[in-house]
Amino acid sequence: MEHVLQLTEVLHIVFKMARPKSKKTEKKELDEMWSTKVRTRDNFTCQICGKKLEKRYAQAHHILPRTLPKVRWDVNNGITLCYNHHKVGSYSAHNNAIWFTFWLKTNKPKQFKYIINKLTEMGRVIK
């Protein structure tokens, strides 16, 4: 019986791999991989306040919107933040984009320069 279970599990995996994935499923998987890479790179630590976070509380933030296909899964377009600095605080990336931009320029100059270069490549920088 043990061998039957193993064979059934193998067949399930083969069947799952054989099914074509929808675009939505592919994007979700790529989003999850991107998030994991960003949070791992930053050691699951909020880059603003320095708080070490449990894996489930560390949030990967897109610096440039994820609606821009050229940078959606670019790890350099991501930064790990705590919930407060990501979404809800007065000094959060979503609630105070101007503050966050200046913070990034001051505290992560290489990443800021990379982002500016990407925007320039996409013709999105106003001179």
Protein backbone atom coordinates (compact mmCIF):
# COMPACT_ATOMS: atom_id res chain seq x y z
CA MET A 1 0.00 0.00 0.00
CA GLU A 2 2.90 2.30 0.77
CA HIS A 3 4.17 1.96 -2.82
CA VAL A 4 0.73 2.81 -4.21
CA LEU A 5 0.66 6.03 -2.22
CA GLN A 6 4.07 7.03 -3.52
CA LEU A 7 3.07 6.23 -7.09
CA THR A 8 -0.13 8.25 -6.65
CA GLU A 9 1.88 11.21 -5.35
CA VAL A 10 4.27 10.99 -8.32
CA LEU A 11 1.37 10.83 -10.77
CA HIS A 12 -0.21 13.87 -9.09
CA ILE A 13 3.02 15.85 -9.50
CA VAL A 14 3.42 14.77 -13.15
CA PHE A 15 -0.20 15.70 -13.89
CA LYS A 16 0.21 19.07 -12.17
CA MET A 17 3.35 19.82 -14.19
CA ALA A 18 1.69 18.80 -17.45
CA ARG A 19 -1.20 21.24 -17.03
CA PRO A 20 -0.53 24.62 -18.62
CA LYS A 21 -0.59 27.46 -16.11
CA SER A 22 -2.76 30.48 -16.64
CA LYS A 23 -1.08 33.88 -17.00
CA LYS A 24 -2.60 34.86 -13.67
CA THR A 25 -1.06 31.82 -11.94
CA GLU A 26 2.33 32.47 -13.55
CA LYS A 27 2.28 36.11 -12.42
CA LYS A 28 1.32 35.13 -8.89
CA GLU A 29 4.17 32.60 -8.70
CA LEU A 30 6.65 35.17 -10.06
CA ASP A 31 5.34 37.75 -7.55
CA GLU A 32 5.86 35.29 -4.70
CA MET A 33 9.40 34.43 -5.89
CA TRP A 34 10.22 38.14 -6.22
CA SER A 35 8.91 38.85 -2.73
CA THR A 36 10.90 36.00 -1.22
CA LYS A 37 14.11 37.14 -2.94
CA VAL A 38 13.67 40.76 -1.78
CA ARG A 39 12.89 39.80 1.82
CA THR A 40 15.72 37.24 1.94
CA ARG A 41 18.21 39.75 0.53
CA ASP A 42 17.21 42.22 3.27
CA ASN A 43 17.37 39.52 5.95
CA PHE A 44 13.66 39.97 6.78
CA THR A 45 14.50 43.37 8.26
CA CYS A 46 12.62 46.64 7.74
CA GLN A 47 15.09 48.79 5.86
CA ILE A 48 13.68 51.98 7.41
CA CYS A 49 13.52 51.21 11.14
CA GLY A 50 15.89 48.22 11.22
CA LYS A 51 13.41 45.95 12.98
CA LYS A 52 14.06 42.23 12.38
CA LEU A 53 10.70 40.73 11.35
CA GLU A 54 9.22 37.28 11.42
CA LYS A 55 9.08 35.95 7.87
CA ARG A 56 5.29 36.38 7.64
CA TYR A 57 5.44 40.04 8.75
CA ALA A 58 8.23 41.19 6.43
CA GLN A 59 6.67 42.93 3.43
CA ALA A 60 8.32 43.41 0.05
CA HIS A 61 7.52 46.84 -1.40
CA HIS A 62 7.79 47.73 -5.10
CA ILE A 63 9.62 51.05 -5.33
CA LEU A 64 8.32 51.63 -8.85
CA PRO A 65 4.78 50.35 -9.43
CA ARG A 66 4.40 46.68 -10.23
CA THR A 67 2.28 47.73 -13.19
CA LEU A 68 5.53 48.57 -15.01
CA PRO A 69 6.44 45.25 -16.67
CA LYS A 70 10.15 46.05 -17.09
CA VAL A 71 10.70 46.29 -13.33
CA ARG A 72 7.88 44.22 -11.81
CA TRP A 73 10.14 41.25 -10.96
CA ASP A 74 13.40 43.19 -10.71
CA VAL A 75 14.73 42.54 -7.19
CA ASN A 76 16.45 45.94 -7.23
CA ASN A 77 12.99 47.48 -7.50
CA GLY A 78 12.10 46.03 -4.12
CA ILE A 79 12.73 46.81 -0.49
CA THR A 80 11.67 45.05 2.71
CA LEU A 81 9.50 47.07 5.06
CA CYS A 82 7.47 46.49 8.20
CA TYR A 83 3.71 47.01 7.93
CA ASN A 84 3.95 50.48 9.48
CA HIS A 85 6.58 51.73 7.03
CA HIS A 86 4.95 49.97 4.09
CA LYS A 87 1.28 50.84 4.32
CA VAL A 88 -0.09 52.70 7.34
CA GLY A 89 2.32 55.05 9.08
CA SER A 90 2.71 58.76 8.41
CA TYR A 91 6.17 57.85 7.20
CA SER A 92 5.25 54.92 4.99
CA ALA A 93 6.04 54.27 1.36
CA HIS A 94 2.35 54.26 0.39
CA ASN A 95 1.14 57.18 2.52
CA ASN A 96 4.06 59.52 1.98
CA ALA A 97 5.74 58.80 -1.34
CA ILE A 98 7.71 62.08 -1.33
CA TRP A 99 9.19 61.32 2.10
CA PHE A 100 9.97 57.74 1.01
CA THR A 101 11.72 58.99 -2.15
CA PHE A 102 13.98 61.29 -0.11
CA TRP A 103 14.59 58.53 2.43
CA LEU A 104 15.61 56.13 -0.36
CA LYS A 105 17.90 58.73 -1.95
CA THR A 106 19.60 59.41 1.38
CA ASN A 107 19.79 55.91 2.82
CA LYS A 108 20.01 53.66 -0.25
CA PRO A 109 21.82 55.83 -2.83
CA LYS A 110 22.89 52.92 -5.08
CA GLN A 111 19.36 51.54 -5.22
CA PHE A 112 17.97 55.05 -5.78
CA LYS A 113 20.38 55.62 -8.68
CA TYR A 114 19.44 52.23 -10.16
CA ILE A 115 15.74 53.21 -10.02
CA ILE A 116 16.41 56.58 -11.66
CA ASN A 117 18.39 54.84 -14.42
CA LYS A 118 15.50 52.42 -15.02
CA LEU A 119 13.05 55.31 -15.21
CA THR A 120 15.35 57.06 -17.68
CA GLU A 121 15.56 53.90 -19.83
CA MET A 122 11.75 53.78 -19.89
CA GLY A 123 11.55 57.47 -20.84
CA ARG A 124 9.78 58.33 -17.58
CA VAL A 125 12.15 60.91 -16.09
CA ILE A 126 11.23 64.56 -16.56
CA LYS A 127 14.28 66.70 -17.17
